[in-house]
Amino acid sequence: MGRHKLEEFLTPLLVVAVALVGPDGFILMQQRDFSAVHGGLWEFPGGKLDPGEAPEFAAARELAEELGLHIDPRALDPVGFASGHTAPASEGGTEPRRPLVILLYACRAWQGTPHPHEAEAIAWCAPDTIGQLAMPPLDYPLAEALCRYLGEHSLPAGDNRR
């Protein structure tokens, strides 16, 4: 393994995820593209940080790309995180797995109507049912953190449109 590959392998991959909370308290989930790693599984919308990018700005960028929504980064409330390792790129793959950290935010204020630009589908789910969805492994502790967070915090209503 070359020096550059070794540094990449040792550097955690930072990912942001956003729980969009509708006025009825339901959460927007998206189904991953069937051709992607974890294809067909459900997840919170989000994605990788670009080099030097702040997590809140990455979350706003990713939701614009994936769902066509405009989100003010200041409207994001930190919920929690999950850490582990990336999945192999292919079934039974033997390539090294990178450390992975997913930061979860909650948001009630956005502009636009969500459309699945990069996902197979989107669905609004009751928070206590999210853990029953087929999801990538690290999304389960995020769903638990979200339920705890929603039970402890009252988010201000925003200009969200469903």
C-alpha atoms as a PDB file:
ATOM      1  CA  MET A   1       0.000   0.000   0.000  1.00  0.00           C
ATOM      2  CA  GLY A   2       1.488   3.356  -1.049  1.00  0.00           C
ATOM      3  CA  ARG A   3       1.889   6.305   1.318  1.00  0.00           C
ATOM      4  CA  HIS A   4      -1.108   8.168  -0.152  1.00  0.00           C
ATOM      5  CA  LYS A   5      -3.330   5.082   0.093  1.00  0.00           C
ATOM      6  CA  LEU A   6      -2.159   4.444   3.669  1.00  0.00           C
ATOM      7  CA  GLU A   7      -2.983   8.036   4.708  1.00  0.00           C
ATOM      8  CA  GLU A   8      -6.421   7.733   3.081  1.00  0.00           C
ATOM      9  CA  PHE A   9      -7.027   4.417   4.838  1.00  0.00           C
ATOM     10  CA  LEU A  10      -6.091   5.883   8.236  1.00  0.00           C
ATOM     11  CA  THR A  11      -8.075   9.126   7.809  1.00  0.00           C
ATOM     12  CA  PRO A  12     -11.708   8.809   8.903  1.00  0.00           C
ATOM     13  CA  LEU A  13     -14.337   9.416   6.250  1.00  0.00           C
ATOM     14  CA  LEU A  14     -16.665  12.135   7.561  1.00  0.00           C
ATOM     15  CA  VAL A  15     -20.313  11.953   6.526  1.00  0.00           C
ATOM     16  CA  VAL A  16     -23.285  14.138   7.465  1.00  0.00           C
ATOM     17  CA  ALA A  17     -26.881  12.972   7.699  1.00  0.00           C
ATOM     18  CA  VAL A  18     -30.019  15.024   8.274  1.00  0.00           C
ATOM     19  CA  ALA A  19     -33.298  14.039   9.900  1.00  0.00           C
ATOM     20  CA  LEU A  20     -35.861  16.327   8.294  1.00  0.00           C
ATOM     21  CA  VAL A  21     -38.679  16.632  10.835  1.00  0.00           C
ATOM     22  CA  GLY A  22     -42.067  17.395   9.294  1.00  0.00           C
ATOM     23  CA  PRO A  23     -44.804  19.371  11.061  1.00  0.00           C
ATOM     24  CA  ASP A  24     -46.447  16.079  12.058  1.00  0.00           C
ATOM     25  CA  GLY A  25     -43.180  14.840  13.596  1.00  0.00           C
ATOM     26  CA  PHE A  26     -42.518  12.340  10.793  1.00  0.00           C
ATOM     27  CA  ILE A  27     -38.950  11.977   9.505  1.00  0.00           C
ATOM     28  CA  LEU A  28     -37.906  11.907   5.847  1.00  0.00           C
ATOM     29  CA  MET A  29     -35.929   8.787   4.927  1.00  0.00           C
ATOM     30  CA  GLN A  30     -34.496   7.877   1.540  1.00  0.00           C
ATOM     31  CA  GLN A  31     -33.868   4.525  -0.102  1.00  0.00           C
ATOM     32  CA  ARG A  32     -30.341   4.117  -1.484  1.00  0.00           C
ATOM     33  CA  ASP A  33     -29.834   3.584  -5.199  1.00  0.00           C
ATOM     34  CA  PHE A  34     -29.975  -0.155  -5.893  1.00  0.00           C
ATOM     35  CA  SER A  35     -26.575  -0.063  -7.637  1.00  0.00           C
ATOM     36  CA  ALA A  36     -24.795   1.587  -4.665  1.00  0.00           C
ATOM     37  CA  VAL A  37     -23.111  -0.006  -1.666  1.00  0.00           C
ATOM     38  CA  HIS A  38     -25.989  -0.876   0.711  1.00  0.00           C
ATOM     39  CA  GLY A  39     -28.269  -0.552  -2.332  1.00  0.00           C
ATOM     40  CA  GLY A  40     -31.983  -0.535  -1.545  1.00  0.00           C
ATOM     41  CA  LEU A  41     -31.498   0.153   2.163  1.00  0.00           C
ATOM     42  CA  TRP A  42     -33.089   3.173   3.855  1.00  0.00           C
ATOM     43  CA  GLU A  43     -31.050   6.015   5.348  1.00  0.00           C
ATOM     44  CA  PHE A  44     -31.113   9.610   6.480  1.00  0.00           C
ATOM     45  CA  PRO A  45     -30.285  11.908   3.530  1.00  0.00           C
ATOM     46  CA  GLY A  46     -26.749  13.296   3.500  1.00  0.00           C
ATOM     47  CA  GLY A  47     -23.282  12.532   2.228  1.00  0.00           C
ATOM     48  CA  LYS A  48     -19.538  13.011   2.447  1.00  0.00           C
ATOM     49  CA  LEU A  49     -17.832  16.228   3.437  1.00  0.00           C
ATOM     50  CA  ASP A  50     -15.625  17.834   0.813  1.00  0.00           C
ATOM     51  CA  PRO A  51     -12.056  18.651   1.971  1.00  0.00           C
ATOM     52  CA  GLY A  52     -12.130  21.692   4.262  1.00  0.00           C
ATOM     53  CA  GLU A  53     -15.949  21.852   4.289  1.00  0.00           C
ATOM     54  CA  ALA A  54     -17.830  22.474   7.544  1.00  0.00           C
ATOM     55  CA  PRO A  55     -20.343  19.714   8.367  1.00  0.00           C
ATOM     56  CA  GLU A  56     -23.358  22.053   8.386  1.00  0.00           C
ATOM     57  CA  PHE A  57     -22.487  23.413   4.945  1.00  0.00           C
ATOM     58  CA  ALA A  58     -21.945  19.872   3.655  1.00  0.00           C
ATOM     59  CA  ALA A  59     -25.400  18.920   4.954  1.00  0.00           C
ATOM     60  CA  ALA A  60     -27.018  21.879   3.191  1.00  0.00           C
ATOM     61  CA  ARG A  61     -25.156  21.067  -0.047  1.00  0.00           C
ATOM     62  CA  GLU A  62     -26.045  17.377   0.084  1.00  0.00           C
ATOM     63  CA  LEU A  63     -29.753  18.029   0.682  1.00  0.00           C
ATOM     64  CA  ALA A  64     -29.806  20.445  -2.252  1.00  0.00           C
ATOM     65  CA  GLU A  65     -28.172  17.789  -4.468  1.00  0.00           C
ATOM     66  CA  GLU A  66     -30.153  14.789  -3.221  1.00  0.00           C
ATOM     67  CA  LEU A  67     -33.582  16.299  -2.533  1.00  0.00           C
ATOM     68  CA  GLY A  68     -33.653  19.730  -4.187  1.00  0.00           C
ATOM     69  CA  LEU A  69     -34.123  21.490  -0.828  1.00  0.00           C
ATOM     70  CA  HIS A  70     -32.640  24.743   0.407  1.00  0.00           C
ATOM     71  CA  ILE A  71     -31.509  24.567   4.029  1.00  0.00           C
ATOM     72  CA  ASP A  72     -29.852  27.303   6.039  1.00  0.00           C
ATOM     73  CA  PRO A  73     -26.924  25.609   7.836  1.00  0.00           C
ATOM     74  CA  ARG A  74     -27.895  27.545  10.991  1.00  0.00           C
ATOM     75  CA  ALA A  75     -31.206  25.614  11.054  1.00  0.00           C
ATOM     76  CA  LEU A  76     -29.394  22.329  11.759  1.00  0.00           C
ATOM     77  CA  ASP A  77     -29.401  20.978  15.324  1.00  0.00           C
ATOM     78  CA  PRO A  78     -26.702  18.412  16.200  1.00  0.00           C
ATOM     79  CA  VAL A  79     -28.266  15.139  17.348  1.00  0.00           C
ATOM     80  CA  GLY A  80     -25.433  12.645  17.650  1.00  0.00           C
ATOM     81  CA  PHE A  81     -22.954  10.542  15.740  1.00  0.00           C
ATOM     82  CA  ALA A  82     -22.110   6.959  14.897  1.00  0.00           C
ATOM     83  CA  SER A  83     -18.722   5.528  14.036  1.00  0.00           C
ATOM     84  CA  GLY A  84     -17.457   2.344  12.474  1.00  0.00           C
ATOM     85  CA  HIS A  85     -15.843   1.380   9.182  1.00  0.00           C
ATOM     86  CA  THR A  86     -16.856   1.732   5.560  1.00  0.00           C
ATOM     87  CA  ALA A  87     -18.480  -1.240   3.876  1.00  0.00           C
ATOM     88  CA  PRO A  88     -16.541  -3.216   1.261  1.00  0.00           C
ATOM     89  CA  ALA A  89     -17.147  -1.857  -2.244  1.00  0.00           C
ATOM     90  CA  SER A  90     -18.373  -5.282  -3.370  1.00  0.00           C
ATOM     91  CA  GLU A  91     -19.867  -8.404  -1.825  1.00  0.00           C
ATOM     92  CA  GLY A  92     -17.007 -10.319  -0.238  1.00  0.00           C
ATOM     93  CA  GLY A  93     -14.584  -7.485  -1.091  1.00  0.00           C
ATOM     94  CA  THR A  94     -11.173  -7.613   0.553  1.00  0.00           C
ATOM     95  CA  GLU A  95     -10.086  -3.978   0.136  1.00  0.00           C
ATOM     96  CA  PRO A  96      -9.173  -2.114   3.341  1.00  0.00           C
ATOM     97  CA  ARG A  97     -12.076  -0.477   5.152  1.00  0.00           C
ATOM     98  CA  ARG A  98     -11.726   3.141   6.260  1.00  0.00           C
ATOM     99  CA  PRO A  99     -12.815   4.499   9.617  1.00  0.00           C
ATOM    100  CA  LEU A 100     -16.203   6.203   9.187  1.00  0.00           C
ATOM    101  CA  VAL A 101     -17.916   8.874  11.308  1.00  0.00           C
ATOM    102  CA  ILE A 102     -21.506   9.952  10.564  1.00  0.00           C
ATOM    103  CA  LEU A 103     -22.776  13.187  12.136  1.00  0.00           C
ATOM    104  CA  LEU A 104     -26.576  13.417  12.441  1.00  0.00           C
ATOM    105  CA  TYR A 105     -28.464  16.714  12.483  1.00  0.00           C
ATOM    106  CA  ALA A 106     -32.175  17.444  12.909  1.00  0.00           C
ATOM    107  CA  CYS A 107     -33.881  20.136  10.846  1.00  0.00           C
ATOM    108  CA  ARG A 108     -37.431  21.494  10.657  1.00  0.00           C
ATOM    109  CA  ALA A 109     -36.779  24.552   8.489  1.00  0.00           C
ATOM    110  CA  TRP A 110     -36.275  24.152   4.746  1.00  0.00           C
ATOM    111  CA  GLN A 111     -37.534  25.544   1.489  1.00  0.00           C
ATOM    112  CA  GLY A 112     -38.793  23.417  -1.359  1.00  0.00           C
ATOM    113  CA  THR A 113     -40.467  20.065  -1.786  1.00  0.00           C
ATOM    114  CA  PRO A 114     -38.222  17.006  -1.438  1.00  0.00           C
ATOM    115  CA  HIS A 115     -37.751  14.848  -4.536  1.00  0.00           C
ATOM    116  CA  PRO A 116     -35.460  11.785  -4.725  1.00  0.00           C
ATOM    117  CA  HIS A 117     -32.860  13.067  -7.214  1.00  0.00           C
ATOM    118  CA  GLU A 118     -30.206  10.493  -6.222  1.00  0.00           C
ATOM    119  CA  ALA A 119     -32.254   7.882  -4.339  1.00  0.00           C
ATOM    120  CA  GLU A 120     -34.734   5.217  -5.383  1.00  0.00           C
ATOM    121  CA  ALA A 121     -37.491   6.624  -3.168  1.00  0.00           C
ATOM    122  CA  ILE A 122     -38.269   8.815  -0.177  1.00  0.00           C
ATOM    123  CA  ALA A 123     -40.779   8.228   2.617  1.00  0.00           C
ATOM    124  CA  TRP A 124     -42.005  10.044   5.718  1.00  0.00           C
ATOM    125  CA  CYS A 125     -41.716   7.731   8.740  1.00  0.00           C
ATOM    126  CA  ALA A 126     -42.768   7.964  12.369  1.00  0.00           C
ATOM    127  CA  PRO A 127     -39.584   8.297  14.459  1.00  0.00           C
ATOM    128  CA  ASP A 128     -40.315   5.141  16.460  1.00  0.00           C
ATOM    129  CA  THR A 129     -40.621   3.062  13.261  1.00  0.00           C
ATOM    130  CA  ILE A 130     -37.333   4.097  11.639  1.00  0.00           C
ATOM    131  CA  GLY A 131     -35.392   1.405  13.503  1.00  0.00           C
ATOM    132  CA  GLN A 132     -37.601  -1.231  11.834  1.00  0.00           C
ATOM    133  CA  LEU A 133     -36.437  -0.230   8.344  1.00  0.00           C
ATOM    134  CA  ALA A 134     -33.693  -2.150   6.557  1.00  0.00           C
ATOM    135  CA  MET A 135     -30.770   0.286   6.954  1.00  0.00           C
ATOM    136  CA  PRO A 136     -26.969   0.338   6.820  1.00  0.00           C
ATOM    137  CA  PRO A 137     -25.577  -0.718  10.230  1.00  0.00           C
ATOM    138  CA  LEU A 138     -24.576   2.752  11.450  1.00  0.00           C
ATOM    139  CA  ASP A 139     -28.036   4.202  10.797  1.00  0.00           C
ATOM    140  CA  TYR A 140     -29.544   2.145  13.639  1.00  0.00           C
ATOM    141  CA  PRO A 141     -27.666   3.953  16.438  1.00  0.00           C
ATOM    142  CA  LEU A 142     -28.444   7.236  14.655  1.00  0.00           C
ATOM    143  CA  ALA A 143     -32.173   6.378  14.701  1.00  0.00           C
ATOM    144  CA  GLU A 144     -31.934   5.624  18.436  1.00  0.00           C
ATOM    145  CA  ALA A 145     -30.127   8.925  19.057  1.00  0.00           C
ATOM    146  CA  LEU A 146     -32.802  10.763  17.076  1.00  0.00           C
ATOM    147  CA  CYS A 147     -35.642   9.240  19.126  1.00  0.00           C
ATOM    148  CA  ARG A 148     -33.869  10.237  22.367  1.00  0.00           C
ATOM    149  CA  TYR A 149     -33.224  13.712  20.995  1.00  0.00           C
ATOM    150  CA  LEU A 150     -36.822  14.248  19.880  1.00  0.00           C
ATOM    151  CA  GLY A 151     -38.028  13.106  23.293  1.00  0.00           C
ATOM    152  CA  GLU A 152     -35.766  15.633  25.030  1.00  0.00           C
ATOM    153  CA  HIS A 153     -35.894  18.624  22.670  1.00  0.00           C
ATOM    154  CA  SER A 154     -38.647  20.625  21.134  1.00  0.00           C
ATOM    155  CA  LEU A 155     -37.485  21.996  17.794  1.00  0.00           C
ATOM    156  CA  PRO A 156     -38.947  25.315  16.682  1.00  0.00           C
ATOM    157  CA  ALA A 157     -41.333  25.106  13.759  1.00  0.00           C
ATOM    158  CA  GLY A 158     -39.827  26.311  10.511  1.00  0.00           C
ATOM    159  CA  ASP A 159     -40.805  27.171   6.976  1.00  0.00           C
ATOM    160  CA  ASN A 160     -40.975  23.560   5.857  1.00  0.00           C
ATOM    161  CA  ARG A 161     -43.146  22.427   3.012  1.00  0.00           C
ATOM    162  CA  ARG A 162     -44.215  18.848   2.418  1.00  0.00           C
END
